[in-house]
C-alpha atoms as a PDB file:
ATOM      1  CA  MET A   1      21.305  26.116  14.987  1.00  0.00           C
ATOM      2  CA  ASN A   2      19.015  23.270  16.032  1.00  0.00           C
ATOM      3  CA  THR A   3      16.383  22.798  13.324  1.00  0.00           C
ATOM      4  CA  ASP A   4      14.629  20.040  15.307  1.00  0.00           C
ATOM      5  CA  PRO A   5      14.093  21.508  18.809  1.00  0.00           C
ATOM      6  CA  LEU A   6      11.454  18.887  19.689  1.00  0.00           C
ATOM      7  CA  ASN A   7      13.719  16.080  18.437  1.00  0.00           C
ATOM      8  CA  MET A   8      11.003  14.860  16.078  1.00  0.00           C
ATOM      9  CA  ALA A   9      13.591  12.915  14.065  1.00  0.00           C
ATOM     10  CA  ARG A  10      13.456  10.242  16.765  1.00  0.00           C
ATOM     11  CA  LEU A  11       9.938   9.423  15.552  1.00  0.00           C
ATOM     12  CA  SER A  12      10.882   8.831  11.913  1.00  0.00           C
ATOM     13  CA  GLY A  13      11.435   5.078  12.349  1.00  0.00           C
ATOM     14  CA  PRO A  14       8.241   4.371  14.290  1.00  0.00           C
ATOM     15  CA  LEU A  15       6.193   6.615  11.981  1.00  0.00           C
ATOM     16  CA  HIS A  16       7.677   4.825   8.961  1.00  0.00           C
ATOM     17  CA  ALA A  17       6.364   1.558  10.405  1.00  0.00           C
ATOM     18  CA  VAL A  18       2.985   3.087  11.288  1.00  0.00           C
ATOM     19  CA  LEU A  19       2.582   4.389   7.715  1.00  0.00           C
ATOM     20  CA  ARG A  20       3.430   0.937   6.320  1.00  0.00           C
ATOM     21  CA  ILE A  21       1.079  -0.877   8.691  1.00  0.00           C
ATOM     22  CA  THR A  22      -1.916   1.462   8.346  1.00  0.00           C
ATOM     23  CA  THR A  23      -1.551   1.612   4.566  1.00  0.00           C
ATOM     24  CA  ALA A  24      -1.392  -2.180   4.355  1.00  0.00           C
ATOM     25  CA  LEU A  25      -4.438  -2.659   6.602  1.00  0.00           C
ATOM     26  CA  THR A  26      -6.472  -0.295   4.440  1.00  0.00           C
ATOM     27  CA  PHE A  27      -5.198  -1.970   1.268  1.00  0.00           C
ATOM     28  CA  VAL A  28      -6.128  -5.459   2.526  1.00  0.00           C
ATOM     29  CA  SER A  29      -9.654  -4.194   3.193  1.00  0.00           C
ATOM     30  CA  HIS A  30      -9.971  -3.214  -0.494  1.00  0.00           C
ATOM     31  CA  GLY A  31      -9.061  -6.770  -1.511  1.00  0.00           C
ATOM     32  CA  SER A  32     -11.317  -8.400   1.067  1.00  0.00           C
ATOM     33  CA  LEU A  33     -14.196  -6.210  -0.112  1.00  0.00           C
ATOM     34  CA  LYS A  34     -13.652  -7.373  -3.698  1.00  0.00           C
ATOM     35  CA  LEU A  35     -13.151 -11.094  -3.023  1.00  0.00           C
ATOM     36  CA  LEU A  36     -14.858 -11.819   0.298  1.00  0.00           C
ATOM     37  CA  GLY A  37     -17.581  -9.188   0.481  1.00  0.00           C
ATOM     38  CA  PHE A  38     -16.090  -7.963   3.767  1.00  0.00           C
ATOM     39  CA  PRO A  39     -16.805  -5.459   5.089  1.00  0.00           C
ATOM     40  CA  ALA A  40     -20.403  -6.038   4.022  1.00  0.00           C
ATOM     41  CA  SER A  41     -20.853  -5.311   0.346  1.00  0.00           C
ATOM     42  CA  GLN A  42     -23.544  -5.829  -2.260  1.00  0.00           C
ATOM     43  CA  MET A  43     -20.896  -6.349  -4.960  1.00  0.00           C
ATOM     44  CA  PRO A  44     -20.647  -9.953  -6.161  1.00  0.00           C
ATOM     45  CA  ALA A  45     -17.177 -11.492  -5.959  1.00  0.00           C
ATOM     46  CA  PRO A  46     -15.446 -11.485  -9.342  1.00  0.00           C
ATOM     47  CA  PRO A  47     -13.930 -14.650 -10.799  1.00  0.00           C
ATOM     48  CA  LEU A  48     -10.334 -15.059  -9.586  1.00  0.00           C
ATOM     49  CA  ALA A  49      -9.128 -15.273 -13.210  1.00  0.00           C
ATOM     50  CA  SER A  50     -10.584 -11.818 -13.993  1.00  0.00           C
ATOM     51  CA  LEU A  51      -8.767  -8.495 -13.755  1.00  0.00           C
ATOM     52  CA  MET A  52     -10.729  -7.598 -10.599  1.00  0.00           C
ATOM     53  CA  GLY A  53     -10.094 -11.060  -9.129  1.00  0.00           C
ATOM     54  CA  VAL A  54      -6.343 -10.777  -9.668  1.00  0.00           C
ATOM     55  CA  ALA A  55      -6.413  -7.235  -8.243  1.00  0.00           C
ATOM     56  CA  GLY A  56      -8.274  -8.459  -5.152  1.00  0.00           C
ATOM     57  CA  LEU A  57      -5.793 -11.297  -4.692  1.00  0.00           C
ATOM     58  CA  MET A  58      -2.845  -8.899  -5.031  1.00  0.00           C
ATOM     59  CA  GLU A  59      -4.461  -6.556  -2.512  1.00  0.00           C
ATOM     60  CA  ILE A  60      -4.980  -9.285   0.071  1.00  0.00           C
ATOM     61  CA  VAL A  61      -1.722 -11.221  -0.329  1.00  0.00           C
ATOM     62  CA  GLY A  62       0.475  -8.198  -1.115  1.00  0.00           C
ATOM     63  CA  GLY A  63      -1.200  -6.162   1.610  1.00  0.00           C
ATOM     64  CA  VAL A  64      -0.546  -8.845   4.230  1.00  0.00           C
ATOM     65  CA  LEU A  65       3.107  -9.112   3.160  1.00  0.00           C
ATOM     66  CA  VAL A  66       3.543  -5.331   3.407  1.00  0.00           C
ATOM     67  CA  LEU A  67       1.662  -5.353   6.725  1.00  0.00           C
ATOM     68  CA  VAL A  68       4.174  -7.726   8.307  1.00  0.00           C
ATOM     69  CA  GLY A  69       7.027  -6.144   6.365  1.00  0.00           C
ATOM     70  CA  LEU A  70       8.163  -9.212   4.428  1.00  0.00           C
ATOM     71  CA  PHE A  71       9.736  -8.732   0.964  1.00  0.00           C
ATOM     72  CA  THR A  72       8.463  -5.171   1.227  1.00  0.00           C
ATOM     73  CA  ARG A  73      10.518  -3.568  -1.536  1.00  0.00           C
ATOM     74  CA  PRO A  74       9.535  -5.866  -4.428  1.00  0.00           C
ATOM     75  CA  ILE A  75       5.950  -6.347  -3.219  1.00  0.00           C
ATOM     76  CA  ALA A  76       5.410  -2.605  -2.738  1.00  0.00           C
ATOM     77  CA  PHE A  77       6.806  -1.992  -6.231  1.00  0.00           C
ATOM     78  CA  LEU A  78       4.293  -4.462  -7.718  1.00  0.00           C
ATOM     79  CA  LEU A  79       1.442  -2.916  -5.727  1.00  0.00           C
ATOM     80  CA  ALA A  80       2.452   0.592  -6.859  1.00  0.00           C
ATOM     81  CA  GLY A  81       2.216  -0.666 -10.434  1.00  0.00           C
ATOM     82  CA  GLU A  82      -1.186  -2.209  -9.754  1.00  0.00           C
ATOM     83  CA  MET A  83      -2.450   1.080  -8.373  1.00  0.00           C
ATOM     84  CA  ALA A  84      -0.987   3.070 -11.282  1.00  0.00           C
ATOM     85  CA  ALA A  85      -2.773   0.748 -13.701  1.00  0.00           C
ATOM     86  CA  ALA A  86      -6.004   1.020 -11.688  1.00  0.00           C
ATOM     87  CA  TYR A  87      -5.772   4.803 -11.737  1.00  0.00           C
ATOM     88  CA  TRP A  88      -5.126   5.083 -15.483  1.00  0.00           C
ATOM     89  CA  MET A  89      -7.676   2.420 -16.425  1.00  0.00           C
ATOM     90  CA  ALA A  90     -10.558   3.245 -14.090  1.00  0.00           C
ATOM     91  CA  HIS A  91     -10.160   6.842 -12.927  1.00  0.00           C
ATOM     92  CA  ALA A  92      -8.178   8.981 -15.357  1.00  0.00           C
ATOM     93  CA  PRO A  93     -10.710   8.467 -18.190  1.00  0.00           C
ATOM     94  CA  ARG A  94     -13.272  10.254 -15.984  1.00  0.00           C
ATOM     95  CA  GLY A  95     -11.146  13.419 -15.824  1.00  0.00           C
ATOM     96  CA  PRO A  96      -7.710  14.718 -14.871  1.00  0.00           C
ATOM     97  CA  PHE A  97      -8.316  15.494 -11.190  1.00  0.00           C
ATOM     98  CA  PRO A  98      -8.223  12.662  -8.610  1.00  0.00           C
ATOM     99  CA  VAL A  99     -10.654  14.490  -6.348  1.00  0.00           C
ATOM    100  CA  LEU A 100     -13.219  14.541  -9.169  1.00  0.00           C
ATOM    101  CA  ASN A 101     -12.528  11.174 -10.837  1.00  0.00           C
ATOM    102  CA  MET A 102     -12.719   9.226  -7.536  1.00  0.00           C
ATOM    103  CA  GLY A 103      -9.081   8.175  -7.879  1.00  0.00           C
ATOM    104  CA  GLU A 104      -7.603   9.575  -4.662  1.00  0.00           C
ATOM    105  CA  SER A 105      -7.071   6.205  -2.993  1.00  0.00           C
ATOM    106  CA  ALA A 106      -5.444   4.613  -6.057  1.00  0.00           C
ATOM    107  CA  TYR A 107      -3.271   7.718  -6.489  1.00  0.00           C
ATOM    108  CA  LEU A 108      -2.163   7.782  -2.840  1.00  0.00           C
ATOM    109  CA  PHE A 109      -1.662   4.009  -2.592  1.00  0.00           C
ATOM    110  CA  CYS A 110       0.508   4.167  -5.725  1.00  0.00           C
ATOM    111  CA  PHE A 111       2.851   6.780  -4.292  1.00  0.00           C
ATOM    112  CA  VAL A 112       2.999   5.352  -0.752  1.00  0.00           C
ATOM    113  CA  PHE A 113       3.879   1.937  -2.189  1.00  0.00           C
ATOM    114  CA  LEU A 114       6.418   3.516  -4.535  1.00  0.00           C
ATOM    115  CA  TRP A 115       8.026   5.219  -1.520  1.00  0.00           C
ATOM    116  CA  LEU A 116       8.016   1.929   0.447  1.00  0.00           C
ATOM    117  CA  SER A 117       9.679   0.185  -2.497  1.00  0.00           C
ATOM    118  CA  ALA A 118      12.536   2.692  -2.202  1.00  0.00           C
ATOM    119  CA  ALA A 119      12.612   3.093   1.593  1.00  0.00           C
ATOM    120  CA  GLY A 120      11.946  -0.505   2.606  1.00  0.00           C
ATOM    121  CA  ALA A 121       9.798  -1.748   5.473  1.00  0.00           C
ATOM    122  CA  GLY A 122      11.518   0.162   8.243  1.00  0.00           C
ATOM    123  CA  PRO A 123      11.426  -1.011  11.860  1.00  0.00           C
ATOM    124  CA  TRP A 124       8.831  -3.370  13.308  1.00  0.00           C
ATOM    125  CA  SER A 125       9.020  -5.612  10.254  1.00  0.00           C
ATOM    126  CA  LEU A 126      10.136  -9.092   9.307  1.00  0.00           C
ATOM    127  CA  ASP A 127      12.509  -7.518   6.778  1.00  0.00           C
ATOM    128  CA  ALA A 128      14.237  -5.645   9.638  1.00  0.00           C
ATOM    129  CA  ALA A 129      14.369  -8.850  11.691  1.00  0.00           C
ATOM    130  CA  ARG A 130      16.024 -10.576   8.708  1.00  0.00           C
ATOM    131  CA  GLY A 131      18.558  -7.728   8.458  1.00  0.00           C
ATOM    132  CA  GLU A 132      17.119  -6.216   5.267  1.00  0.00           C
ATOM    133  CA  GLY A 133      17.016  -2.461   4.705  1.00  0.00           C
ATOM    134  CA  LYS A 134      18.607  -1.302   7.956  1.00  0.00           C
ATOM    135  CA  ALA A 135      19.836   1.872   6.262  1.00  0.00           C
ATOM    136  CA  ALA A 136      16.263   2.836   5.433  1.00  0.00           C
ATOM    137  CA  ALA A 137      15.037   2.464   9.020  1.00  0.00           C
END
């Protein structure tokens, strides 16, 4: 019995790459908001040596590396840890439900990055061009 009559499995590689790319673009925007005030923000940039400064730097540099799919597994693992720490430090004290404690993005970023650390960059990545993680594509 064919459980995939539309042959949707053929899209798993491209959709893997699209998830990585769109997640990384959104993540970079969080870092650029913190450090560069872009998109337009009234928040002052934190010192680079502060917790928020380091987070912003990780979001920009790590996000760009995930975007192009370079060293995706270790970088995504670090970013998942950053987002777990952000969730437990900034959101969980406000209550147990992400929808109420404003932690949905940290929660989702954490688990998408955790998945990417296991699955790798997939196709359309520098890791794939270097021959890394072909089994995960």
